[in-house]
Amino acid sequence: MKFNPEIGFLSRVSEEDKILFAKHLAVMAKSGISLAESIEVLIRQTKTSAFKRVLQGVLGDLENGQQLSKALSRYPKIFDPFT
């Protein structure tokens, strides 16, 4: 059975978690911290286990050479695509 990252735990990621993620990621990016290191910091700081798992997936994708947009697009119920 293939793991589907959209099932179950994703509904427990709050809007506040997503807003703080974007805000903190932007601050770290402006300060010159790499994306991977920024995501590692955010994983350590995130209190919600569901969001930690999502960020760990995003980090894994980044470490495998994926672009941030591609890594986030795996979780459309959390990171809504802009059109």
C-alpha atoms as a PDB file:
ATOM      1  CA  MET A   1       0.000   0.000   0.000  1.00  0.00           C
ATOM      2  CA  LYS A   2       1.381   3.373  -1.001  1.00  0.00           C
ATOM      3  CA  PHE A   3       1.608   6.143   1.622  1.00  0.00           C
ATOM      4  CA  ASN A   4      -0.714   9.023   0.891  1.00  0.00           C
ATOM      5  CA  PRO A   5       0.451  12.208   2.660  1.00  0.00           C
ATOM      6  CA  GLU A   6      -3.011  13.758   2.263  1.00  0.00           C
ATOM      7  CA  ILE A   7      -4.851  11.410   4.605  1.00  0.00           C
ATOM      8  CA  GLY A   8      -5.647  12.002   8.234  1.00  0.00           C
ATOM      9  CA  PHE A   9      -3.103  14.081  10.032  1.00  0.00           C
ATOM     10  CA  LEU A  10      -3.061  16.959   7.529  1.00  0.00           C
ATOM     11  CA  SER A  11      -6.383  18.262   8.719  1.00  0.00           C
ATOM     12  CA  ARG A  12      -4.726  19.094  12.037  1.00  0.00           C
ATOM     13  CA  VAL A  13      -2.404  21.786  10.669  1.00  0.00           C
ATOM     14  CA  SER A  14      -3.783  25.152  11.743  1.00  0.00           C
ATOM     15  CA  GLU A  15      -3.820  28.394   9.809  1.00  0.00           C
ATOM     16  CA  GLU A  16      -1.621  29.868  12.540  1.00  0.00           C
ATOM     17  CA  ASP A  17       1.005  27.149  11.949  1.00  0.00           C
ATOM     18  CA  LYS A  18       1.023  27.920   8.237  1.00  0.00           C
ATOM     19  CA  ILE A  19       1.237  31.684   8.762  1.00  0.00           C
ATOM     20  CA  LEU A  20       4.104  31.359  11.228  1.00  0.00           C
ATOM     21  CA  PHE A  21       5.862  28.949   8.847  1.00  0.00           C
ATOM     22  CA  ALA A  22       5.710  31.458   5.998  1.00  0.00           C
ATOM     23  CA  LYS A  23       6.743  34.365   8.200  1.00  0.00           C
ATOM     24  CA  HIS A  24       9.694  32.568   9.789  1.00  0.00           C
ATOM     25  CA  LEU A  25      10.838  31.056   6.498  1.00  0.00           C
ATOM     26  CA  ALA A  26      10.843  34.512   4.906  1.00  0.00           C
ATOM     27  CA  VAL A  27      12.900  35.986   7.746  1.00  0.00           C
ATOM     28  CA  MET A  28      15.459  33.198   7.560  1.00  0.00           C
ATOM     29  CA  ALA A  29      15.675  33.419   3.765  1.00  0.00           C
ATOM     30  CA  LYS A  30      16.317  37.177   3.989  1.00  0.00           C
ATOM     31  CA  SER A  31      19.081  36.531   6.493  1.00  0.00           C
ATOM     32  CA  GLY A  32      20.831  34.144   4.098  1.00  0.00           C
ATOM     33  CA  ILE A  33      20.080  30.843   5.811  1.00  0.00           C
ATOM     34  CA  SER A  34      19.689  27.972   3.336  1.00  0.00           C
ATOM     35  CA  LEU A  35      16.222  26.535   2.748  1.00  0.00           C
ATOM     36  CA  ALA A  36      17.180  23.145   4.135  1.00  0.00           C
ATOM     37  CA  GLU A  37      18.635  24.648   7.302  1.00  0.00           C
ATOM     38  CA  SER A  38      15.602  26.903   7.688  1.00  0.00           C
ATOM     39  CA  ILE A  39      13.242  23.929   7.430  1.00  0.00           C
ATOM     40  CA  GLU A  40      15.347  22.032   9.996  1.00  0.00           C
ATOM     41  CA  VAL A  41      14.987  24.947  12.418  1.00  0.00           C
ATOM     42  CA  LEU A  42      11.240  25.114  11.802  1.00  0.00           C
ATOM     43  CA  ILE A  43      10.885  21.370  12.424  1.00  0.00           C
ATOM     44  CA  ARG A  44      12.570  21.772  15.805  1.00  0.00           C
ATOM     45  CA  GLN A  45      10.383  24.767  16.700  1.00  0.00           C
ATOM     46  CA  THR A  46       7.054  23.366  15.529  1.00  0.00           C
ATOM     47  CA  LYS A  47       4.929  21.978  18.323  1.00  0.00           C
ATOM     48  CA  THR A  48       2.320  20.281  16.128  1.00  0.00           C
ATOM     49  CA  SER A  49       3.386  16.730  15.312  1.00  0.00           C
ATOM     50  CA  ALA A  50       1.311  16.686  12.102  1.00  0.00           C
ATOM     51  CA  PHE A  51       3.071  19.776  10.775  1.00  0.00           C
ATOM     52  CA  LYS A  52       6.474  18.387  11.839  1.00  0.00           C
ATOM     53  CA  ARG A  53       5.830  15.331   9.645  1.00  0.00           C
ATOM     54  CA  VAL A  54       4.903  17.546   6.704  1.00  0.00           C
ATOM     55  CA  LEU A  55       8.029  19.668   7.156  1.00  0.00           C
ATOM     56  CA  GLN A  56      10.165  16.523   7.410  1.00  0.00           C
ATOM     57  CA  GLY A  57       8.732  15.441   4.061  1.00  0.00           C
ATOM     58  CA  VAL A  58       9.482  18.862   2.583  1.00  0.00           C
ATOM     59  CA  LEU A  59      13.034  18.712   3.954  1.00  0.00           C
ATOM     60  CA  GLY A  60      13.544  15.260   2.474  1.00  0.00           C
ATOM     61  CA  ASP A  61      12.450  16.526  -0.925  1.00  0.00           C
ATOM     62  CA  LEU A  62      14.802  19.519  -0.691  1.00  0.00           C
ATOM     63  CA  GLU A  63      17.688  17.262   0.266  1.00  0.00           C
ATOM     64  CA  ASN A  64      16.897  15.121  -2.791  1.00  0.00           C
ATOM     65  CA  GLY A  65      17.228  18.132  -5.068  1.00  0.00           C
ATOM     66  CA  GLN A  66      13.583  19.140  -5.426  1.00  0.00           C
ATOM     67  CA  GLN A  67      12.602  22.784  -5.642  1.00  0.00           C
ATOM     68  CA  LEU A  68      10.715  24.229  -2.680  1.00  0.00           C
ATOM     69  CA  SER A  69       7.615  24.768  -4.817  1.00  0.00           C
ATOM     70  CA  LYS A  70       7.620  21.092  -5.848  1.00  0.00           C
ATOM     71  CA  ALA A  71       8.137  19.933  -2.264  1.00  0.00           C
ATOM     72  CA  LEU A  72       5.253  22.071  -1.006  1.00  0.00           C
ATOM     73  CA  SER A  73       2.997  21.007  -3.880  1.00  0.00           C
ATOM     74  CA  ARG A  74       2.930  17.474  -2.436  1.00  0.00           C
ATOM     75  CA  TYR A  75       0.705  18.891   0.311  1.00  0.00           C
ATOM     76  CA  PRO A  76      -2.010  20.898  -1.515  1.00  0.00           C
ATOM     77  CA  LYS A  77      -4.411  20.745   1.413  1.00  0.00           C
ATOM     78  CA  ILE A  78      -1.853  22.593   3.529  1.00  0.00           C
ATOM     79  CA  PHE A  79      -0.028  24.762   1.019  1.00  0.00           C
ATOM     80  CA  ASP A  80      -2.672  26.060  -1.372  1.00  0.00           C
ATOM     81  CA  PRO A  81      -1.307  26.671  -4.866  1.00  0.00           C
ATOM     82  CA  PHE A  82      -1.406  30.216  -6.160  1.00  0.00           C
ATOM     83  CA  THR A  83      -2.793  30.617  -9.651  1.00  0.00           C
END
